[in-house]
Amino acid sequence: MNDELNLAREILQGRNHKDVPDDEILDHSRQLFEDWMSGELRMERPKVYDHYALVIAALLRRVAELEGRLEAVEQNRLP
């Protein structure tokens, strides 16, 4: 029996990645990473295509959103 979790499968729970909100991906992955670092759970050896790609995509979307918001704020502050 393999007691190691697959990060992406654990977050997706059988859903398509497009159906999982970024907030859920980031919150769940943060908790899984913290549990892994504290030794509370074990995860499979990471592979970009099935572990980190999901988290990286959510982070990239979040960065793009924040950059857009920052640009709007900066535009409103120009004289």
PDB file of N, CA and C in Angstrom:
ATOM      1  N   MET A   1       0.849  -1.185   0.000  1.00  0.00           N
ATOM      2  CA  MET A   1       0.000   0.000   0.000  1.00  0.00           C
ATOM      3  C   MET A   1       0.888   1.240   0.000  1.00  0.00           C
ATOM      4  N   ASN A   2       0.586   2.163  -0.882  1.00  0.00           N
ATOM      5  CA  ASN A   2       1.372   3.387  -1.005  1.00  0.00           C
ATOM      6  C   ASN A   2       0.688   4.482  -0.197  1.00  0.00           C
ATOM      7  N   ASP A   3       1.349   4.924   0.871  1.00  0.00           N
ATOM      8  CA  ASP A   3       0.759   5.964   1.719  1.00  0.00           C
ATOM      9  C   ASP A   3       1.239   7.351   1.334  1.00  0.00           C
ATOM     10  N   GLU A   4       1.902   7.467   0.169  1.00  0.00           N
ATOM     11  CA  GLU A   4       2.370   8.766  -0.300  1.00  0.00           C
ATOM     12  C   GLU A   4       1.298   9.421  -1.162  1.00  0.00           C
ATOM     13  N   LEU A   5       1.021  10.707  -0.888  1.00  0.00           N
ATOM     14  CA  LEU A   5       0.004  11.440  -1.639  1.00  0.00           C
ATOM     15  C   LEU A   5       0.582  12.020  -2.916  1.00  0.00           C
ATOM     16  N   ASN A   6      -0.246  12.091  -3.921  1.00  0.00           N
ATOM     17  CA  ASN A   6       0.075  12.822  -5.141  1.00  0.00           C
ATOM     18  C   ASN A   6      -0.590  14.177  -4.975  1.00  0.00           C
ATOM     19  N   LEU A   7       0.192  15.238  -4.938  1.00  0.00           N
ATOM     20  CA  LEU A   7      -0.320  16.578  -4.652  1.00  0.00           C
ATOM     21  C   LEU A   7      -1.471  16.966  -5.566  1.00  0.00           C
ATOM     22  N   ALA A   8      -1.272  16.844  -6.862  1.00  0.00           N
ATOM     23  CA  ALA A   8      -2.302  17.273  -7.803  1.00  0.00           C
ATOM     24  C   ALA A   8      -3.572  16.443  -7.659  1.00  0.00           C
ATOM     25  N   ARG A   9      -3.434  15.138  -7.552  1.00  0.00           N
ATOM     26  CA  ARG A   9      -4.635  14.291  -7.402  1.00  0.00           C
ATOM     27  C   ARG A   9      -5.378  14.611  -6.118  1.00  0.00           C
ATOM     28  N   GLU A  10      -4.637  14.897  -5.066  1.00  0.00           N
ATOM     29  CA  GLU A  10      -5.256  15.224  -3.777  1.00  0.00           C
ATOM     30  C   GLU A  10      -6.066  16.523  -3.881  1.00  0.00           C
ATOM     31  N   ILE A  11      -5.533  17.503  -4.587  1.00  0.00           N
ATOM     32  CA  ILE A  11      -6.226  18.788  -4.740  1.00  0.00           C
ATOM     33  C   ILE A  11      -7.398  18.669  -5.700  1.00  0.00           C
ATOM     34  N   LEU A  12      -7.185  17.996  -6.823  1.00  0.00           N
ATOM     35  CA  LEU A  12      -8.224  17.921  -7.849  1.00  0.00           C
ATOM     36  C   LEU A  12      -9.403  17.030  -7.458  1.00  0.00           C
ATOM     37  N   GLN A  13      -9.134  15.963  -6.712  1.00  0.00           N
ATOM     38  CA  GLN A  13     -10.185  15.039  -6.293  1.00  0.00           C
ATOM     39  C   GLN A  13     -11.040  14.584  -7.485  1.00  0.00           C
ATOM     40  N   GLY A  14     -10.386  14.255  -8.601  1.00  0.00           N
ATOM     41  CA  GLY A  14     -11.083  13.749  -9.777  1.00  0.00           C
ATOM     42  C   GLY A  14     -11.674  14.813 -10.678  1.00  0.00           C
ATOM     43  N   ARG A  15     -11.529  16.077 -10.313  1.00  0.00           N
ATOM     44  CA  ARG A  15     -12.076  17.164 -11.132  1.00  0.00           C
ATOM     45  C   ARG A  15     -11.059  17.610 -12.176  1.00  0.00           C
ATOM     46  N   ASN A  16     -11.554  18.268 -13.205  1.00  0.00           N
ATOM     47  CA  ASN A  16     -10.689  18.881 -14.197  1.00  0.00           C
ATOM     48  C   ASN A  16     -10.038  20.094 -13.556  1.00  0.00           C
ATOM     49  N   HIS A  17      -8.775  20.357 -13.905  1.00  0.00           N
ATOM     50  CA  HIS A  17      -8.073  21.482 -13.279  1.00  0.00           C
ATOM     51  C   HIS A  17      -8.765  22.814 -13.527  1.00  0.00           C
ATOM     52  N   LYS A  18      -9.501  22.919 -14.617  1.00  0.00           N
ATOM     53  CA  LYS A  18     -10.214  24.169 -14.923  1.00  0.00           C
ATOM     54  C   LYS A  18     -11.419  24.380 -14.015  1.00  0.00           C
ATOM     55  N   ASP A  19     -11.846  23.328 -13.344  1.00  0.00           N
ATOM     56  CA  ASP A  19     -13.016  23.417 -12.465  1.00  0.00           C
ATOM     57  C   ASP A  19     -12.650  23.715 -11.009  1.00  0.00           C
ATOM     58  N   VAL A  20     -11.370  23.846 -10.722  1.00  0.00           N
ATOM     59  CA  VAL A  20     -10.926  24.086  -9.346  1.00  0.00           C
ATOM     60  C   VAL A  20     -10.440  25.532  -9.237  1.00  0.00           C
ATOM     61  N   PRO A  21     -11.072  26.339  -8.400  1.00  0.00           N
ATOM     62  CA  PRO A  21     -10.674  27.744  -8.255  1.00  0.00           C
ATOM     63  C   PRO A  21      -9.239  27.880  -7.726  1.00  0.00           C
ATOM     64  N   ASP A  22      -8.565  28.920  -8.187  1.00  0.00           N
ATOM     65  CA  ASP A  22      -7.185  29.169  -7.762  1.00  0.00           C
ATOM     66  C   ASP A  22      -7.064  29.264  -6.249  1.00  0.00           C
ATOM     67  N   ASP A  23      -8.008  29.914  -5.590  1.00  0.00           N
ATOM     68  CA  ASP A  23      -7.948  30.026  -4.123  1.00  0.00           C
ATOM     69  C   ASP A  23      -7.927  28.652  -3.470  1.00  0.00           C
ATOM     70  N   GLU A  24      -8.741  27.733  -3.992  1.00  0.00           N
ATOM     71  CA  GLU A  24      -8.773  26.384  -3.437  1.00  0.00           C
ATOM     72  C   GLU A  24      -7.448  25.664  -3.690  1.00  0.00           C
ATOM     73  N   ILE A  25      -6.904  25.818  -4.885  1.00  0.00           N
ATOM     74  CA  ILE A  25      -5.620  25.193  -5.214  1.00  0.00           C
ATOM     75  C   ILE A  25      -4.537  25.706  -4.272  1.00  0.00           C
ATOM     76  N   LEU A  26      -4.464  27.017  -4.109  1.00  0.00           N
ATOM     77  CA  LEU A  26      -3.414  27.608  -3.284  1.00  0.00           C
ATOM     78  C   LEU A  26      -3.591  27.261  -1.810  1.00  0.00           C
ATOM     79  N   ASP A  27      -4.814  27.331  -1.306  1.00  0.00           N
ATOM     80  CA  ASP A  27      -5.054  27.003   0.099  1.00  0.00           C
ATOM     81  C   ASP A  27      -4.734  25.542   0.398  1.00  0.00           C
ATOM     82  N   HIS A  28      -5.224  24.649  -0.469  1.00  0.00           N
ATOM     83  CA  HIS A  28      -5.023  23.212  -0.241  1.00  0.00           C
ATOM     84  C   HIS A  28      -3.552  22.843  -0.400  1.00  0.00           C
ATOM     85  N   SER A  29      -2.892  23.400  -1.410  1.00  0.00           N
ATOM     86  CA  SER A  29      -1.480  23.072  -1.608  1.00  0.00           C
ATOM     87  C   SER A  29      -0.636  23.611  -0.453  1.00  0.00           C
ATOM     88  N   ARG A  30      -0.954  24.800   0.033  1.00  0.00           N
ATOM     89  CA  ARG A  30      -0.216  25.347   1.178  1.00  0.00           C
ATOM     90  C   ARG A  30      -0.332  24.403   2.377  1.00  0.00           C
ATOM     91  N   GLN A  31      -1.534  23.922   2.653  1.00  0.00           N
ATOM     92  CA  GLN A  31      -1.726  23.015   3.785  1.00  0.00           C
ATOM     93  C   GLN A  31      -0.983  21.697   3.575  1.00  0.00           C
ATOM     94  N   LEU A  32      -1.057  21.151   2.357  1.00  0.00           N
ATOM     95  CA  LEU A  32      -0.356  19.901   2.071  1.00  0.00           C
ATOM     96  C   LEU A  32       1.158  20.072   2.199  1.00  0.00           C
ATOM     97  N   PHE A  33       1.692  21.184   1.685  1.00  0.00           N
ATOM     98  CA  PHE A  33       3.124  21.431   1.791  1.00  0.00           C
ATOM     99  C   PHE A  33       3.541  21.580   3.256  1.00  0.00           C
ATOM    100  N   GLU A  34       2.736  22.282   4.052  1.00  0.00           N
ATOM    101  CA  GLU A  34       3.062  22.442   5.472  1.00  0.00           C
ATOM    102  C   GLU A  34       3.029  21.109   6.201  1.00  0.00           C
ATOM    103  N   ASP A  35       2.018  20.287   5.897  1.00  0.00           N
ATOM    104  CA  ASP A  35       1.940  18.959   6.513  1.00  0.00           C
ATOM    105  C   ASP A  35       3.118  18.088   6.092  1.00  0.00           C
ATOM    106  N   TRP A  36       3.532  18.191   4.846  1.00  0.00           N
ATOM    107  CA  TRP A  36       4.672  17.437   4.343  1.00  0.00           C
ATOM    108  C   TRP A  36       5.959  17.894   5.028  1.00  0.00           C
ATOM    109  N   MET A  37       6.148  19.221   5.132  1.00  0.00           N
ATOM    110  CA  MET A  37       7.382  19.738   5.747  1.00  0.00           C
ATOM    111  C   MET A  37       7.463  19.403   7.232  1.00  0.00           C
ATOM    112  N   SER A  38       6.305  19.295   7.899  1.00  0.00           N
ATOM    113  CA  SER A  38       6.315  18.966   9.322  1.00  0.00           C
ATOM    114  C   SER A  38       6.372  17.456   9.560  1.00  0.00           C
ATOM    115  N   GLY A  39       6.348  16.679   8.482  1.00  0.00           N
ATOM    116  CA  GLY A  39       6.437  15.233   8.607  1.00  0.00           C
ATOM    117  C   GLY A  39       5.118  14.547   8.882  1.00  0.00           C
ATOM    118  N   GLU A  40       4.010  15.289   8.797  1.00  0.00           N
ATOM    119  CA  GLU A  40       2.704  14.711   9.081  1.00  0.00           C
ATOM    120  C   GLU A  40       2.175  13.843   7.942  1.00  0.00           C
ATOM    121  N   LEU A  41       2.678  14.059   6.736  1.00  0.00           N
ATOM    122  CA  LEU A  41       2.280  13.213   5.619  1.00  0.00           C
ATOM    123  C   LEU A  41       3.438  13.069   4.649  1.00  0.00           C
ATOM    124  N   ARG A  42       3.310  12.091   3.791  1.00  0.00           N
ATOM    125  CA  ARG A  42       4.333  11.847   2.781  1.00  0.00           C
ATOM    126  C   ARG A  42       3.722  12.079   1.423  1.00  0.00           C
ATOM    127  N   MET A  43       4.518  12.645   0.525  1.00  0.00           N
ATOM    128  CA  MET A  43       4.064  12.856  -0.848  1.00  0.00           C
ATOM    129  C   MET A  43       5.001  12.148  -1.802  1.00  0.00           C
ATOM    130  N   GLU A  44       4.434  11.778  -2.947  1.00  0.00           N
ATOM    131  CA  GLU A  44       5.240  11.169  -3.990  1.00  0.00           C
ATOM    132  C   GLU A  44       6.345  12.121  -4.405  1.00  0.00           C
ATOM    133  N   ARG A  45       7.383  11.560  -4.938  1.00  0.00           N
ATOM    134  CA  ARG A  45       8.466  12.386  -5.472  1.00  0.00           C
ATOM    135  C   ARG A  45       7.856  13.325  -6.510  1.00  0.00           C
ATOM    136  N   PRO A  46       8.080  14.622  -6.370  1.00  0.00           N
ATOM    137  CA  PRO A  46       7.418  15.585  -7.248  1.00  0.00           C
ATOM    138  C   PRO A  46       7.859  15.489  -8.703  1.00  0.00           C
ATOM    139  N   LYS A  47       6.894  15.695  -9.558  1.00  0.00           N
ATOM    140  CA  LYS A  47       7.119  15.777 -10.992  1.00  0.00           C
ATOM    141  C   LYS A  47       6.382  17.017 -11.462  1.00  0.00           C
ATOM    142  N   VAL A  48       7.026  17.860 -12.238  1.00  0.00           N
ATOM    143  CA  VAL A  48       6.407  19.112 -12.665  1.00  0.00           C
ATOM    144  C   VAL A  48       5.062  18.860 -13.320  1.00  0.00           C
ATOM    145  N   TYR A  49       4.960  17.856 -14.151  1.00  0.00           N
ATOM    146  CA  TYR A  49       3.723  17.673 -14.900  1.00  0.00           C
ATOM    147  C   TYR A  49       2.535  17.253 -14.054  1.00  0.00           C
ATOM    148  N   ASP A  50       2.748  16.691 -12.886  1.00  0.00           N
ATOM    149  CA  ASP A  50       1.568  16.292 -12.110  1.00  0.00           C
ATOM    150  C   ASP A  50       1.510  16.871 -10.705  1.00  0.00           C
ATOM    151  N   HIS A  51       2.556  17.486 -10.235  1.00  0.00           N
ATOM    152  CA  HIS A  51       2.507  18.081  -8.901  1.00  0.00           C
ATOM    153  C   HIS A  51       2.488  19.602  -8.986  1.00  0.00           C
ATOM    154  N   TYR A  52       3.573  20.145  -9.389  1.00  0.00           N
ATOM    155  CA  TYR A  52       3.761  21.580  -9.296  1.00  0.00           C
ATOM    156  C   TYR A  52       3.076  22.371 -10.390  1.00  0.00           C
ATOM    157  N   ALA A  53       2.791  21.777 -11.525  1.00  0.00           N
ATOM    158  CA  ALA A  53       2.162  22.522 -12.619  1.00  0.00           C
ATOM    159  C   ALA A  53       0.849  23.158 -12.159  1.00  0.00           C
ATOM    160  N   LEU A  54       0.068  22.452 -11.400  1.00  0.00           N
ATOM    161  CA  LEU A  54      -1.208  22.961 -10.908  1.00  0.00           C
ATOM    162  C   LEU A  54      -0.996  24.189 -10.034  1.00  0.00           C
ATOM    163  N   VAL A  55      -0.068  24.113  -9.118  1.00  0.00           N
ATOM    164  CA  VAL A  55       0.210  25.224  -8.201  1.00  0.00           C
ATOM    165  C   VAL A  55       0.853  26.387  -8.949  1.00  0.00           C
ATOM    166  N   ILE A  56       1.803  26.092  -9.827  1.00  0.00           N
ATOM    167  CA  ILE A  56       2.470  27.151 -10.587  1.00  0.00           C
ATOM    168  C   ILE A  56       1.472  27.911 -11.444  1.00  0.00           C
ATOM    169  N   ALA A  57       0.565  27.201 -12.112  1.00  0.00           N
ATOM    170  CA  ALA A  57      -0.443  27.866 -12.949  1.00  0.00           C
ATOM    171  C   ALA A  57      -1.315  28.792 -12.109  1.00  0.00           C
ATOM    172  N   ALA A  58      -1.750  28.337 -10.940  1.00  0.00           N
ATOM    173  CA  ALA A  58      -2.571  29.177 -10.064  1.00  0.00           C
ATOM    174  C   ALA A  58      -1.789  30.400  -9.605  1.00  0.00           C
ATOM    175  N   LEU A  59      -0.521  30.225  -9.254  1.00  0.00           N
ATOM    176  CA  LEU A  59       0.303  31.356  -8.832  1.00  0.00           C
ATOM    177  C   LEU A  59       0.528  32.342  -9.972  1.00  0.00           C
ATOM    178  N   LEU A  60       0.755  31.846 -11.183  1.00  0.00           N
ATOM    179  CA  LEU A  60       0.943  32.739 -12.330  1.00  0.00           C
ATOM    180  C   LEU A  60      -0.318  33.548 -12.608  1.00  0.00           C
ATOM    181  N   ARG A  61      -1.480  32.908 -12.502  1.00  0.00           N
ATOM    182  CA  ARG A  61      -2.738  33.652 -12.699  1.00  0.00           C
ATOM    183  C   ARG A  61      -2.894  34.711 -11.610  1.00  0.00           C
ATOM    184  N   ARG A  62      -2.556  34.372 -10.369  1.00  0.00           N
ATOM    185  CA  ARG A  62      -2.668  35.317  -9.264  1.00  0.00           C
ATOM    186  C   ARG A  62      -1.721  36.495  -9.468  1.00  0.00           C
ATOM    187  N   VAL A  63      -0.487  36.232  -9.904  1.00  0.00           N
ATOM    188  CA  VAL A  63       0.482  37.301 -10.154  1.00  0.00           C
ATOM    189  C   VAL A  63      -0.038  38.224 -11.254  1.00  0.00           C
ATOM    190  N   ALA A  64      -0.573  37.663 -12.328  1.00  0.00           N
ATOM    191  CA  ALA A  64      -1.103  38.485 -13.417  1.00  0.00           C
ATOM    192  C   ALA A  64      -2.258  39.354 -12.929  1.00  0.00           C
ATOM    193  N   GLU A  65      -3.122  38.790 -12.097  1.00  0.00           N
ATOM    194  CA  GLU A  65      -4.232  39.551 -11.529  1.00  0.00           C
ATOM    195  C   GLU A  65      -3.716  40.700 -10.668  1.00  0.00           C
ATOM    196  N   LEU A  66      -2.753  40.418  -9.815  1.00  0.00           N
ATOM    197  CA  LEU A  66      -2.201  41.452  -8.937  1.00  0.00           C
ATOM    198  C   LEU A  66      -1.451  42.524  -9.718  1.00  0.00           C
ATOM    199  N   GLU A  67      -0.753  42.133 -10.762  1.00  0.00           N
ATOM    200  CA  GLU A  67      -0.073  43.118 -11.605  1.00  0.00           C
ATOM    201  C   GLU A  67      -1.090  44.052 -12.266  1.00  0.00           C
ATOM    202  N   GLY A  68      -2.205  43.504 -12.723  1.00  0.00           N
ATOM    203  CA  GLY A  68      -3.259  44.330 -13.313  1.00  0.00           C
ATOM    204  C   GLY A  68      -3.841  45.302 -12.311  1.00  0.00           C
ATOM    205  N   ARG A  69      -4.074  44.827 -11.103  1.00  0.00           N
ATOM    206  CA  ARG A  69      -4.602  45.699 -10.057  1.00  0.00           C
ATOM    207  C   ARG A  69      -3.604  46.785  -9.685  1.00  0.00           C
ATOM    208  N   LEU A  70      -2.333  46.428  -9.593  1.00  0.00           N
ATOM    209  CA  LEU A  70      -1.292  47.400  -9.281  1.00  0.00           C
ATOM    210  C   LEU A  70      -1.196  48.460 -10.378  1.00  0.00           C
ATOM    211  N   GLU A  71      -1.258  48.032 -11.615  1.00  0.00           N
ATOM    212  CA  GLU A  71      -1.201  48.991 -12.725  1.00  0.00           C
ATOM    213  C   GLU A  71      -2.379  49.955 -12.669  1.00  0.00           C
ATOM    214  N   ALA A  72      -3.561  49.460 -12.347  1.00  0.00           N
ATOM    215  CA  ALA A  72      -4.734  50.331 -12.222  1.00  0.00           C
ATOM    216  C   ALA A  72      -4.556  51.335 -11.097  1.00  0.00           C
ATOM    217  N   VAL A  73      -3.996  50.902  -9.969  1.00  0.00           N
ATOM    218  CA  VAL A  73      -3.742  51.797  -8.848  1.00  0.00           C
ATOM    219  C   VAL A  73      -2.732  52.868  -9.255  1.00  0.00           C
ATOM    220  N   GLU A  74      -1.657  52.434  -9.911  1.00  0.00           N
ATOM    221  CA  GLU A  74      -0.634  53.382 -10.331  1.00  0.00           C
ATOM    222  C   GLU A  74      -1.176  54.377 -11.342  1.00  0.00           C
ATOM    223  N   GLN A  75      -2.030  53.948 -12.232  1.00  0.00           N
ATOM    224  CA  GLN A  75      -2.623  54.859 -13.219  1.00  0.00           C
ATOM    225  C   GLN A  75      -3.504  55.900 -12.532  1.00  0.00           C
ATOM    226  N   ASN A  76      -4.193  55.528 -11.485  1.00  0.00           N
ATOM    227  CA  ASN A  76      -5.060  56.449 -10.758  1.00  0.00           C
ATOM    228  C   ASN A  76      -4.259  57.461  -9.949  1.00  0.00           C
ATOM    229  N   ARG A  77      -2.995  57.176  -9.673  1.00  0.00           N
ATOM    230  CA  ARG A  77      -2.165  58.077  -8.867  1.00  0.00           C
ATOM    231  C   ARG A  77      -1.377  59.052  -9.710  1.00  0.00           C
ATOM    232  N   LEU A  78      -1.345  58.844 -11.023  1.00  0.00           N
ATOM    233  CA  LEU A  78      -0.592  59.762 -11.884  1.00  0.00           C
ATOM    234  C   LEU A  78      -1.297  61.096 -11.972  1.00  0.00           C
ATOM    235  N   PRO A  79      -0.519  62.201 -11.980  1.00  0.00           N
ATOM    236  CA  PRO A  79      -1.130  63.543 -12.051  1.00  0.00           C
ATOM    237  C   PRO A  79      -1.755  63.830 -13.410  1.00  0.00           C
TER     238      PRO A  79
END
